Amino acid sequence: GAGVSATVGGMGLAGGFGAVGIGATPVVAGAVAGAAAFGQLMRSHTEI
């Protein structure tokens, strides 16, 4: 997520809803995705 954040840099999203900075969102999303992947791995090990 930090890699994505560094690549995206100071970009933001703008539209009819207004504007929003991306900031650290990819870092948090990466951490959540990592936790979800671990949960799925543990679930499949338990099922086996």
ModelCIF file with pLDDT and N, C-alpha, C, O atoms, coordinates in Angstrom:
data_MODEL
#
_entry.id   MODEL 
#
_entity.id                         1 
_entity.type                       polymer 
_entity.pdbx_number_of_molecules   1 
#
_entity_poly.entity_id                      1 
_entity_poly.type                           'polypeptide(L)' 
_entity_poly.nstd_linkage                   no 
_entity_poly.nstd_monomer                   no 
_entity_poly.pdbx_seq_one_letter_code       GAGVSATVGGMGLAGGFGAVGIGATPVVAGAVAGAAAFGQLMRSHTEI 
_entity_poly.pdbx_seq_one_letter_code_can   GAGVSATVGGMGLAGGFGAVGIGATPVVAGAVAGAAAFGQLMRSHTEI 
_entity_poly.pdbx_strand_id                 A 
#
loop_
_entity_poly_seq.entity_id 
_entity_poly_seq.num 
_entity_poly_seq.mon_id 
_entity_poly_seq.hetero 
1 1  GLY n 
1 2  ALA n 
1 3  GLY n 
1 4  VAL n 
1 5  SER n 
1 6  ALA n 
1 7  THR n 
1 8  VAL n 
1 9  GLY n 
1 10 GLY n 
1 11 MET n 
1 12 GLY n 
1 13 LEU n 
1 14 ALA n 
1 15 GLY n 
1 16 GLY n 
1 17 PHE n 
1 18 GLY n 
1 19 ALA n 
1 20 VAL n 
1 21 GLY n 
1 22 ILE n 
1 23 GLY n 
1 24 ALA n 
1 25 THR n 
1 26 PRO n 
1 27 VAL n 
1 28 VAL n 
1 29 ALA n 
1 30 GLY n 
1 31 ALA n 
1 32 VAL n 
1 33 ALA n 
1 34 GLY n 
1 35 ALA n 
1 36 ALA n 
1 37 ALA n 
1 38 PHE n 
1 39 GLY n 
1 40 GLN n 
1 41 LEU n 
1 42 MET n 
1 43 ARG n 
1 44 SER n 
1 45 HIS n 
1 46 THR n 
1 47 GLU n 
1 48 ILE n 
#
_struct_asym.id          A 
_struct_asym.entity_id   1 
#
loop_
_ma_qa_metric.id 
_ma_qa_metric.mode 
_ma_qa_metric.name 
_ma_qa_metric.software_group_id 
_ma_qa_metric.type 
1 global pLDDT . pLDDT 
2 local  pLDDT . pLDDT 
#
_ma_qa_metric_global.metric_id      1 
_ma_qa_metric_global.metric_value   73.94 
_ma_qa_metric_global.model_id       1 
_ma_qa_metric_global.ordinal_id     1 
#
loop_
_ma_qa_metric_local.label_asym_id 
_ma_qa_metric_local.label_comp_id 
_ma_qa_metric_local.label_seq_id 
_ma_qa_metric_local.metric_id 
_ma_qa_metric_local.metric_value 
_ma_qa_metric_local.model_id 
_ma_qa_metric_local.ordinal_id 
A GLY 1  2 76.00 1 1  
A ALA 2  2 77.00 1 2  
A GLY 3  2 74.00 1 3  
A VAL 4  2 71.00 1 4  
A SER 5  2 66.00 1 5  
A ALA 6  2 66.00 1 6  
A THR 7  2 64.00 1 7  
A VAL 8  2 63.00 1 8  
A GLY 9  2 63.00 1 9  
A GLY 10 2 63.00 1 10 
A MET 11 2 63.00 1 11 
A GLY 12 2 61.00 1 12 
A LEU 13 2 63.00 1 13 
A ALA 14 2 69.00 1 14 
A GLY 15 2 69.00 1 15 
A GLY 16 2 72.00 1 16 
A PHE 17 2 67.00 1 17 
A GLY 18 2 67.00 1 18 
A ALA 19 2 66.00 1 19 
A VAL 20 2 62.00 1 20 
A GLY 21 2 62.00 1 21 
A ILE 22 2 61.00 1 22 
A GLY 23 2 66.00 1 23 
A ALA 24 2 67.00 1 24 
A THR 25 2 70.00 1 25 
A PRO 26 2 72.00 1 26 
A VAL 27 2 73.00 1 27 
A VAL 28 2 77.00 1 28 
A ALA 29 2 81.00 1 29 
A GLY 30 2 80.00 1 30 
A ALA 31 2 83.00 1 31 
A VAL 32 2 84.00 1 32 
A ALA 33 2 85.00 1 33 
A GLY 34 2 83.00 1 34 
A ALA 35 2 86.00 1 35 
A ALA 36 2 85.00 1 36 
A ALA 37 2 86.00 1 37 
A PHE 38 2 87.00 1 38 
A GLY 39 2 85.00 1 39 
A GLN 40 2 86.00 1 40 
A LEU 41 2 85.00 1 41 
A MET 42 2 85.00 1 42 
A ARG 43 2 85.00 1 43 
A SER 44 2 82.00 1 44 
A HIS 45 2 78.00 1 45 
A THR 46 2 80.00 1 46 
A GLU 47 2 77.00 1 47 
A ILE 48 2 76.00 1 48 
#
loop_
_atom_site.group_PDB 
_atom_site.id 
_atom_site.type_symbol 
_atom_site.label_atom_id 
_atom_site.label_alt_id 
_atom_site.label_comp_id 
_atom_site.label_asym_id 
_atom_site.label_entity_id 
_atom_site.label_seq_id 
_atom_site.pdbx_PDB_ins_code 
_atom_site.Cartn_x 
_atom_site.Cartn_y 
_atom_site.Cartn_z 
_atom_site.occupancy 
_atom_site.B_iso_or_equiv 
_atom_site.pdbx_formal_charge 
_atom_site.auth_seq_id 
_atom_site.auth_comp_id 
_atom_site.auth_asym_id 
_atom_site.auth_atom_id 
_atom_site.pdbx_PDB_model_num 
ATOM 1   N N  . GLY A 1 1  ? 0.820   -1.213  0.000   1.00 76.00 ? 1  GLY A N  1 
ATOM 2   C CA . GLY A 1 1  ? 0.000   0.000   0.000   1.00 76.00 ? 1  GLY A CA 1 
ATOM 3   C C  . GLY A 1 1  ? 0.849   1.256   0.000   1.00 76.00 ? 1  GLY A C  1 
ATOM 4   O O  . GLY A 1 1  ? 0.508   2.243   -0.651  1.00 76.00 ? 1  GLY A O  1 
ATOM 5   N N  . ALA A 1 2  ? 1.960   1.221   0.732   1.00 77.00 ? 2  ALA A N  1 
ATOM 6   C CA . ALA A 1 2  ? 2.864   2.379   0.755   1.00 77.00 ? 2  ALA A CA 1 
ATOM 7   C C  . ALA A 1 2  ? 3.479   2.601   -0.620  1.00 77.00 ? 2  ALA A C  1 
ATOM 8   O O  . ALA A 1 2  ? 3.689   3.739   -1.039  1.00 77.00 ? 2  ALA A O  1 
ATOM 9   N N  . GLY A 1 3  ? 3.764   1.512   -1.315  1.00 74.00 ? 3  GLY A N  1 
ATOM 10  C CA . GLY A 1 3  ? 4.295   1.631   -2.674  1.00 74.00 ? 3  GLY A CA 1 
ATOM 11  C C  . GLY A 1 3  ? 3.292   2.298   -3.597  1.00 74.00 ? 3  GLY A C  1 
ATOM 12  O O  . GLY A 1 3  ? 3.652   3.161   -4.397  1.00 74.00 ? 3  GLY A O  1 
ATOM 13  N N  . VAL A 1 4  ? 2.040   1.900   -3.486  1.00 71.00 ? 4  VAL A N  1 
ATOM 14  C CA . VAL A 1 4  ? 0.986   2.523   -4.297  1.00 71.00 ? 4  VAL A CA 1 
ATOM 15  C C  . VAL A 1 4  ? 0.845   3.990   -3.921  1.00 71.00 ? 4  VAL A C  1 
ATOM 16  O O  . VAL A 1 4  ? 0.715   4.851   -4.791  1.00 71.00 ? 4  VAL A O  1 
ATOM 17  N N  . SER A 1 5  ? 0.872   4.273   -2.619  1.00 66.00 ? 5  SER A N  1 
ATOM 18  C CA . SER A 1 5  ? 0.747   5.651   -2.155  1.00 66.00 ? 5  SER A CA 1 
ATOM 19  C C  . SER A 1 5  ? 1.890   6.512   -2.680  1.00 66.00 ? 5  SER A C  1 
ATOM 20  O O  . SER A 1 5  ? 1.680   7.656   -3.083  1.00 66.00 ? 5  SER A O  1 
ATOM 21  N N  . ALA A 1 6  ? 3.102   5.955   -2.673  1.00 66.00 ? 6  ALA A N  1 
ATOM 22  C CA . ALA A 1 6  ? 4.263   6.706   -3.174  1.00 66.00 ? 6  ALA A CA 1 
ATOM 23  C C  . ALA A 1 6  ? 4.146   6.937   -4.675  1.00 66.00 ? 6  ALA A C  1 
ATOM 24  O O  . ALA A 1 6  ? 4.547   7.987   -5.179  1.00 66.00 ? 6  ALA A O  1 
ATOM 25  N N  . THR A 1 7  ? 3.595   5.952   -5.390  1.00 64.00 ? 7  THR A N  1 
ATOM 26  C CA . THR A 1 7  ? 3.425   6.093   -6.839  1.00 64.00 ? 7  THR A CA 1 
ATOM 27  C C  . THR A 1 7  ? 2.365   7.133   -7.156  1.00 64.00 ? 7  THR A C  1 
ATOM 28  O O  . THR A 1 7  ? 2.546   7.971   -8.040  1.00 64.00 ? 7  THR A O  1 
ATOM 29  N N  . VAL A 1 8  ? 1.261   7.072   -6.429  1.00 63.00 ? 8  VAL A N  1 
ATOM 30  C CA . VAL A 1 8  ? 0.157   7.998   -6.659  1.00 63.00 ? 8  VAL A CA 1 
ATOM 31  C C  . VAL A 1 8  ? 0.548   9.401   -6.211  1.00 63.00 ? 8  VAL A C  1 
ATOM 32  O O  . VAL A 1 8  ? 0.135   10.392  -6.813  1.00 63.00 ? 8  VAL A O  1 
ATOM 33  N N  . GLY A 1 9  ? 1.343   9.474   -5.154  1.00 63.00 ? 9  GLY A N  1 
ATOM 34  C CA . GLY A 1 9  ? 1.822   10.764  -4.661  1.00 63.00 ? 9  GLY A CA 1 
ATOM 35  C C  . GLY A 1 9  ? 0.713   11.638  -4.118  1.00 63.00 ? 9  GLY A C  1 
ATOM 36  O O  . GLY A 1 9  ? -0.120  11.176  -3.338  1.00 63.00 ? 9  GLY A O  1 
ATOM 37  N N  . GLY A 1 10 ? 0.695   12.880  -4.517  1.00 63.00 ? 10 GLY A N  1 
ATOM 38  C CA . GLY A 1 10 ? -0.281  13.840  -3.998  1.00 63.00 ? 10 GLY A CA 1 
ATOM 39  C C  . GLY A 1 10 ? -1.547  13.925  -4.839  1.00 63.00 ? 10 GLY A C  1 
ATOM 40  O O  . GLY A 1 10 ? -2.249  14.935  -4.798  1.00 63.00 ? 10 GLY A O  1 
ATOM 41  N N  . MET A 1 11 ? -1.845  12.885  -5.596  1.00 63.00 ? 11 MET A N  1 
ATOM 42  C CA . MET A 1 11 ? -3.037  12.913  -6.437  1.00 63.00 ? 11 MET A CA 1 
ATOM 43  C C  . MET A 1 11 ? -4.296  12.927  -5.591  1.00 63.00 ? 11 MET A C  1 
ATOM 44  O O  . MET A 1 11 ? -4.274  12.597  -4.405  1.00 63.00 ? 11 MET A O  1 
ATOM 45  N N  . GLY A 1 12 ? -5.353  13.302  -6.199  1.00 61.00 ? 12 GLY A N  1 
ATOM 46  C CA . GLY A 1 12 ? -6.658  13.283  -5.552  1.00 61.00 ? 12 GLY A CA 1 
ATOM 47  C C  . GLY A 1 12 ? -7.719  12.933  -6.572  1.00 61.00 ? 12 GLY A C  1 
ATOM 48  O O  . GLY A 1 12 ? -7.430  12.748  -7.754  1.00 61.00 ? 12 GLY A O  1 
ATOM 49  N N  . LEU A 1 13 ? -8.935  12.845  -6.106  1.00 63.00 ? 13 LEU A N  1 
ATOM 50  C CA . LEU A 1 13 ? -10.062 12.568  -6.986  1.00 63.00 ? 13 LEU A CA 1 
ATOM 51  C C  . LEU A 1 13 ? -10.996 13.762  -6.931  1.00 63.00 ? 13 LEU A C  1 
ATOM 52  O O  . LEU A 1 13 ? -11.274 14.295  -5.857  1.00 63.00 ? 13 LEU A O  1 
ATOM 53  N N  . ALA A 1 14 ? -11.472 14.173  -8.077  1.00 69.00 ? 14 ALA A N  1 
ATOM 54  C CA . ALA A 1 14 ? -12.416 15.289  -8.124  1.00 69.00 ? 14 ALA A CA 1 
ATOM 55  C C  . ALA A 1 14 ? -13.580 14.895  -9.015  1.00 69.00 ? 14 ALA A C  1 
ATOM 56  O O  . ALA A 1 14 ? -13.407 14.195  -10.013 1.00 69.00 ? 14 ALA A O  1 
ATOM 57  N N  . GLY A 1 15 ? -14.750 15.345  -8.649  1.00 69.00 ? 15 GLY A N  1 
ATOM 58  C CA . GLY A 1 15 ? -15.943 15.041  -9.440  1.00 69.00 ? 15 GLY A CA 1 
ATOM 59  C C  . GLY A 1 15 ? -17.108 15.855  -8.934  1.00 69.00 ? 15 GLY A C  1 
ATOM 60  O O  . GLY A 1 15 ? -16.927 16.851  -8.233  1.00 69.00 ? 15 GLY A O  1 
ATOM 61  N N  . GLY A 1 16 ? -18.298 15.432  -9.287  1.00 72.00 ? 16 GLY A N  1 
ATOM 62  C CA . GLY A 1 16 ? -19.502 16.126  -8.877  1.00 72.00 ? 16 GLY A CA 1 
ATOM 63  C C  . GLY A 1 16 ? -19.703 16.119  -7.368  1.00 72.00 ? 16 GLY A C  1 
ATOM 64  O O  . GLY A 1 16 ? -20.436 16.947  -6.828  1.00 72.00 ? 16 GLY A O  1 
ATOM 65  N N  . PHE A 1 17 ? -19.056 15.193  -6.699  1.00 67.00 ? 17 PHE A N  1 
ATOM 66  C CA . PHE A 1 17 ? -19.153 15.077  -5.240  1.00 67.00 ? 17 PHE A CA 1 
ATOM 67  C C  . PHE A 1 17 ? -18.226 16.042  -4.529  1.00 67.00 ? 17 PHE A C  1 
ATOM 68  O O  . PHE A 1 17 ? -18.329 16.210  -3.313  1.00 67.00 ? 17 PHE A O  1 
ATOM 69  N N  . GLY A 1 18 ? -17.336 16.673  -5.248  1.00 67.00 ? 18 GLY A N  1 
ATOM 70  C CA . GLY A 1 18 ? -16.323 17.531  -4.654  1.00 67.00 ? 18 GLY A CA 1 
ATOM 71  C C  . GLY A 1 18 ? -14.952 16.947  -4.942  1.00 67.00 ? 18 GLY A C  1 
ATOM 72  O O  . GLY A 1 18 ? -14.764 16.270  -5.953  1.00 67.00 ? 18 GLY A O  1 
ATOM 73  N N  . ALA A 1 19 ? -14.009 17.200  -4.077  1.00 66.00 ? 19 ALA A N  1 
ATOM 74  C CA . ALA A 1 19 ? -12.656 16.682  -4.265  1.00 66.00 ? 19 ALA A CA 1 
ATOM 75  C C  . ALA A 1 19 ? -12.186 16.022  -2.981  1.00 66.00 ? 19 ALA A C  1 
ATOM 76  O O  . ALA A 1 19 ? -12.563 16.429  -1.882  1.00 66.00 ? 19 ALA A O  1 
ATOM 77  N N  . VAL A 1 20 ? -11.365 15.008  -3.136  1.00 62.00 ? 20 VAL A N  1 
ATOM 78  C CA . VAL A 1 20 ? -10.846 14.283  -1.982  1.00 62.00 ? 20 VAL A CA 1 
ATOM 79  C C  . VAL A 1 20 ? -9.400  13.887  -2.268  1.00 62.00 ? 20 VAL A C  1 
ATOM 80  O O  . VAL A 1 20 ? -9.081  13.454  -3.376  1.00 62.00 ? 20 VAL A O  1 
ATOM 81  N N  . GLY A 1 21 ? -8.527  14.035  -1.277  1.00 62.00 ? 21 GLY A N  1 
ATOM 82  C CA . GLY A 1 21 ? -7.142  13.607  -1.418  1.00 62.00 ? 21 GLY A CA 1 
ATOM 83  C C  . GLY A 1 21 ? -7.025  12.122  -1.127  1.00 62.00 ? 21 GLY A C  1 
ATOM 84  O O  . GLY A 1 21 ? -7.724  11.602  -0.258  1.00 62.00 ? 21 GLY A O  1 
ATOM 85  N N  . ILE A 1 22 ? -6.156  11.443  -1.840  1.00 61.00 ? 22 ILE A N  1 
ATOM 86  C CA . ILE A 1 22 ? -5.987  9.995   -1.636  1.00 61.00 ? 22 ILE A CA 1 
ATOM 87  C C  . ILE A 1 22 ? -5.152  9.732   -0.391  1.00 61.00 ? 22 ILE A C  1 
ATOM 88  O O  . ILE A 1 22 ? -5.493  8.858   0.405   1.00 61.00 ? 22 ILE A O  1 
ATOM 89  N N  . GLY A 1 23 ? -4.072  10.468  -0.212  1.00 66.00 ? 23 GLY A N  1 
ATOM 90  C CA . GLY A 1 23 ? -3.255  10.367  1.000   1.00 66.00 ? 23 GLY A CA 1 
ATOM 91  C C  . GLY A 1 23 ? -2.829  8.962   1.366   1.00 66.00 ? 23 GLY A C  1 
ATOM 92  O O  . GLY A 1 23 ? -2.274  8.243   0.536   1.00 66.00 ? 23 GLY A O  1 
ATOM 93  N N  . ALA A 1 24 ? -3.086  8.559   2.614   1.00 67.00 ? 24 ALA A N  1 
ATOM 94  C CA . ALA A 1 24 ? -2.629  7.269   3.143   1.00 67.00 ? 24 ALA A CA 1 
ATOM 95  C C  . ALA A 1 24 ? -3.642  6.148   2.930   1.00 67.00 ? 24 ALA A C  1 
ATOM 96  O O  . ALA A 1 24 ? -3.454  5.047   3.447   1.00 67.00 ? 24 ALA A O  1 
ATOM 97  N N  . THR A 1 25 ? -4.697  6.403   2.188   1.00 70.00 ? 25 THR A N  1 
ATOM 98  C CA . THR A 1 25 ? -5.725  5.379   1.971   1.00 70.00 ? 25 THR A CA 1 
ATOM 99  C C  . THR A 1 25 ? -5.147  4.076   1.425   1.00 70.00 ? 25 THR A C  1 
ATOM 100 O O  . THR A 1 25 ? -5.519  3.010   1.917   1.00 70.00 ? 25 THR A O  1 
ATOM 101 N N  . PRO A 1 26 ? -4.245  4.106   0.419   1.00 72.00 ? 26 PRO A N  1 
ATOM 102 C CA . PRO A 1 26 ? -3.693  2.839   -0.073  1.00 72.00 ? 26 PRO A CA 1 
ATOM 103 C C  . PRO A 1 26 ? -2.903  2.070   0.998   1.00 72.00 ? 26 PRO A C  1 
ATOM 104 O O  . PRO A 1 26 ? -2.867  0.840   0.970   1.00 72.00 ? 26 PRO A O  1 
ATOM 105 N N  . VAL A 1 27 ? -2.280  2.778   1.929   1.00 73.00 ? 27 VAL A N  1 
ATOM 106 C CA . VAL A 1 27 ? -1.522  2.109   2.984   1.00 73.00 ? 27 VAL A CA 1 
ATOM 107 C C  . VAL A 1 27 ? -2.476  1.340   3.890   1.00 73.00 ? 27 VAL A C  1 
ATOM 108 O O  . VAL A 1 27 ? -2.228  0.179   4.218   1.00 73.00 ? 27 VAL A O  1 
ATOM 109 N N  . VAL A 1 28 ? -3.561  1.981   4.291   1.00 77.00 ? 28 VAL A N  1 
ATOM 110 C CA . VAL A 1 28 ? -4.560  1.327   5.147   1.00 77.00 ? 28 VAL A CA 1 
ATOM 111 C C  . VAL A 1 28 ? -5.212  0.183   4.395   1.00 77.00 ? 28 VAL A C  1 
ATOM 112 O O  . VAL A 1 28 ? -5.396  -0.902  4.947   1.00 77.00 ? 28 VAL A O  1 
ATOM 113 N N  . ALA A 1 29 ? -5.561  0.416   3.139   1.00 81.00 ? 29 ALA A N  1 
ATOM 114 C CA . ALA A 1 29 ? -6.181  -0.641  2.332   1.00 81.00 ? 29 ALA A CA 1 
ATOM 115 C C  . ALA A 1 29 ? -5.238  -1.832  2.179   1.00 81.00 ? 29 ALA A C  1 
ATOM 116 O O  . ALA A 1 29 ? -5.685  -2.979  2.194   1.00 81.00 ? 29 ALA A O  1 
ATOM 117 N N  . GLY A 1 30 ? -3.959  -1.577  2.036   1.00 80.00 ? 30 GLY A N  1 
ATOM 118 C CA . GLY A 1 30 ? -2.977  -2.666  1.937   1.00 80.00 ? 30 GLY A CA 1 
ATOM 119 C C  . GLY A 1 30 ? -2.913  -3.485  3.213   1.00 80.00 ? 30 GLY A C  1 
ATOM 120 O O  . GLY A 1 30 ? -2.839  -4.713  3.168   1.00 80.00 ? 30 GLY A O  1 
ATOM 121 N N  . ALA A 1 31 ? -2.941  -2.801  4.353   1.00 83.00 ? 31 ALA A N  1 
ATOM 122 C CA . ALA A 1 31 ? -2.914  -3.511  5.640   1.00 83.00 ? 31 ALA A CA 1 
ATOM 123 C C  . ALA A 1 31 ? -4.162  -4.358  5.816   1.00 83.00 ? 31 ALA A C  1 
ATOM 124 O O  . ALA A 1 31 ? -4.082  -5.492  6.289   1.00 83.00 ? 31 ALA A O  1 
ATOM 125 N N  . VAL A 1 32 ? -5.313  -3.819  5.441   1.00 84.00 ? 32 VAL A N  1 
ATOM 126 C CA . VAL A 1 32 ? -6.569  -4.574  5.541   1.00 84.00 ? 32 VAL A CA 1 
ATOM 127 C C  . VAL A 1 32 ? -6.545  -5.770  4.593   1.00 84.00 ? 32 VAL A C  1 
ATOM 128 O O  . VAL A 1 32 ? -6.979  -6.862  4.959   1.00 84.00 ? 32 VAL A O  1 
ATOM 129 N N  . ALA A 1 33 ? -6.044  -5.570  3.384   1.00 85.00 ? 33 ALA A N  1 
ATOM 130 C CA . ALA A 1 33 ? -5.964  -6.679  2.425   1.00 85.00 ? 33 ALA A CA 1 
ATOM 131 C C  . ALA A 1 33 ? -5.014  -7.760  2.926   1.00 85.00 ? 33 ALA A C  1 
ATOM 132 O O  . ALA A 1 33 ? -5.279  -8.949  2.749   1.00 85.00 ? 33 ALA A O  1 
ATOM 133 N N  . GLY A 1 34 ? -3.915  -7.360  3.547   1.00 83.00 ? 34 GLY A N  1 
ATOM 134 C CA . GLY A 1 34 ? -2.982  -8.348  4.119   1.00 83.00 ? 34 GLY A CA 1 
ATOM 135 C C  . GLY A 1 34 ? -3.628  -9.148  5.228   1.00 83.00 ? 34 GLY A C  1 
ATOM 136 O O  . GLY A 1 34 ? -3.448  -10.363 5.303   1.00 83.00 ? 34 GLY A O  1 
ATOM 137 N N  . ALA A 1 35 ? -4.383  -8.477  6.096   1.00 86.00 ? 35 ALA A N  1 
ATOM 138 C CA . ALA A 1 35 ? -5.082  -9.168  7.176   1.00 86.00 ? 35 ALA A CA 1 
ATOM 139 C C  . ALA A 1 35 ? -6.138  -10.116 6.617   1.00 86.00 ? 35 ALA A C  1 
ATOM 140 O O  . ALA A 1 35 ? -6.318  -11.220 7.129   1.00 86.00 ? 35 ALA A O  1 
ATOM 141 N N  . ALA A 1 36 ? -6.836  -9.685  5.566   1.00 85.00 ? 36 ALA A N  1 
ATOM 142 C CA . ALA A 1 36 ? -7.854  -10.536 4.947   1.00 85.00 ? 36 ALA A CA 1 
ATOM 143 C C  . ALA A 1 36 ? -7.217  -11.761 4.296   1.00 85.00 ? 36 ALA A C  1 
ATOM 144 O O  . ALA A 1 36 ? -7.758  -12.863 4.388   1.00 85.00 ? 36 ALA A O  1 
ATOM 145 N N  . ALA A 1 37 ? -6.079  -11.575 3.642   1.00 86.00 ? 37 ALA A N  1 
ATOM 146 C CA . ALA A 1 37 ? -5.388  -12.712 3.025   1.00 86.00 ? 37 ALA A CA 1 
ATOM 147 C C  . ALA A 1 37 ? -4.947  -13.708 4.085   1.00 86.00 ? 37 ALA A C  1 
ATOM 148 O O  . ALA A 1 37 ? -5.052  -14.918 3.882   1.00 86.00 ? 37 ALA A O  1 
ATOM 149 N N  . PHE A 1 38 ? -4.458  -13.217 5.203   1.00 87.00 ? 38 PHE A N  1 
ATOM 150 C CA . PHE A 1 38 ? -4.054  -14.112 6.296   1.00 87.00 ? 38 PHE A CA 1 
ATOM 151 C C  . PHE A 1 38 ? -5.261  -14.870 6.834   1.00 87.00 ? 38 PHE A C  1 
ATOM 152 O O  . PHE A 1 38 ? -5.176  -16.071 7.089   1.00 87.00 ? 38 PHE A O  1 
ATOM 153 N N  . GLY A 1 39 ? -6.377  -14.181 7.008   1.00 85.00 ? 39 GLY A N  1 
ATOM 154 C CA . GLY A 1 39 ? -7.596  -14.828 7.489   1.00 85.00 ? 39 GLY A CA 1 
ATOM 155 C C  . GLY A 1 39 ? -8.055  -15.926 6.550   1.00 85.00 ? 39 GLY A C  1 
ATOM 156 O O  . GLY A 1 39 ? -8.476  -16.993 6.997   1.00 85.00 ? 39 GLY A O  1 
ATOM 157 N N  . GLN A 1 40 ? -7.977  -15.673 5.254   1.00 86.00 ? 40 GLN A N  1 
ATOM 158 C CA . GLN A 1 40 ? -8.370  -16.679 4.266   1.00 86.00 ? 40 GLN A CA 1 
ATOM 159 C C  . GLN A 1 40 ? -7.416  -17.873 4.308   1.00 86.00 ? 40 GLN A C  1 
ATOM 160 O O  . GLN A 1 40 ? -7.851  -19.019 4.202   1.00 86.00 ? 40 GLN A O  1 
ATOM 161 N N  . LEU A 1 41 ? -6.134  -17.609 4.461   1.00 85.00 ? 41 LEU A N  1 
ATOM 162 C CA . LEU A 1 41 ? -5.155  -18.692 4.556   1.00 85.00 ? 41 LEU A CA 1 
ATOM 163 C C  . LEU A 1 41 ? -5.434  -19.569 5.776   1.00 85.00 ? 41 LEU A C  1 
ATOM 164 O O  . LEU A 1 41 ? -5.406  -20.796 5.683   1.00 85.00 ? 41 LEU A O  1 
ATOM 165 N N  . MET A 1 42 ? -5.702  -18.940 6.909   1.00 85.00 ? 42 MET A N  1 
ATOM 166 C CA . MET A 1 42 ? -5.982  -19.706 8.128   1.00 85.00 ? 42 MET A CA 1 
ATOM 167 C C  . MET A 1 42 ? -7.284  -20.499 7.991   1.00 85.00 ? 42 MET A C  1 
ATOM 168 O O  . MET A 1 42 ? -7.386  -21.624 8.481   1.00 85.00 ? 42 MET A O  1 
ATOM 169 N N  . ARG A 1 43 ? -8.263  -19.914 7.333   1.00 85.00 ? 43 ARG A N  1 
ATOM 170 C CA . ARG A 1 43 ? -9.539  -20.613 7.128   1.00 85.00 ? 43 ARG A CA 1 
ATOM 171 C C  . ARG A 1 43 ? -9.335  -21.856 6.277   1.00 85.00 ? 43 ARG A C  1 
ATOM 172 O O  . ARG A 1 43 ? -9.860  -22.919 6.606   1.00 85.00 ? 43 ARG A O  1 
ATOM 173 N N  . SER A 1 44 ? -8.582  -21.741 5.189   1.00 82.00 ? 44 SER A N  1 
ATOM 174 C CA . SER A 1 44 ? -8.374  -22.906 4.334   1.00 82.00 ? 44 SER A CA 1 
ATOM 175 C C  . SER A 1 44 ? -7.546  -23.973 5.045   1.00 82.00 ? 44 SER A C  1 
ATOM 176 O O  . SER A 1 44 ? -7.784  -25.163 4.842   1.00 82.00 ? 44 SER A O  1 
ATOM 177 N N  . HIS A 1 45 ? -6.585  -23.579 5.869   1.00 78.00 ? 45 HIS A N  1 
ATOM 178 C CA . HIS A 1 45 ? -5.810  -24.557 6.640   1.00 78.00 ? 45 HIS A CA 1 
ATOM 179 C C  . HIS A 1 45 ? -6.721  -25.295 7.625   1.00 78.00 ? 45 HIS A C  1 
ATOM 180 O O  . HIS A 1 45 ? -6.609  -26.509 7.794   1.00 78.00 ? 45 HIS A O  1 
ATOM 181 N N  . THR A 1 46 ? -7.614  -24.559 8.265   1.00 80.00 ? 46 THR A N  1 
ATOM 182 C CA . THR A 1 46 ? -8.538  -25.153 9.230   1.00 80.00 ? 46 THR A CA 1 
ATOM 183 C C  . THR A 1 46 ? -9.479  -26.127 8.526   1.00 80.00 ? 46 THR A C  1 
ATOM 184 O O  . THR A 1 46 ? -9.748  -27.209 9.049   1.00 80.00 ? 46 THR A O  1 
ATOM 185 N N  . GLU A 1 47 ? -9.979  -25.763 7.356   1.00 77.00 ? 47 GLU A N  1 
ATOM 186 C CA . GLU A 1 47 ? -10.880 -26.662 6.619   1.00 77.00 ? 47 GLU A CA 1 
ATOM 187 C C  . GLU A 1 47 ? -10.154 -27.948 6.221   1.00 77.00 ? 47 GLU A C  1 
ATOM 188 O O  . GLU A 1 47 ? -10.728 -29.035 6.288   1.00 77.00 ? 47 GLU A O  1 
ATOM 189 N N  . ILE A 1 48 ? -8.914  -27.823 5.815   1.00 76.00 ? 48 ILE A N  1 
ATOM 190 C CA . ILE A 1 48 ? -8.142  -29.016 5.424   1.00 76.00 ? 48 ILE A CA 1 
ATOM 191 C C  . ILE A 1 48 ? -7.962  -29.927 6.641   1.00 76.00 ? 48 ILE A C  1 
ATOM 192 O O  . ILE A 1 48 ? -7.341  -30.985 6.533   1.00 76.00 ? 48 ILE A O  1 
#
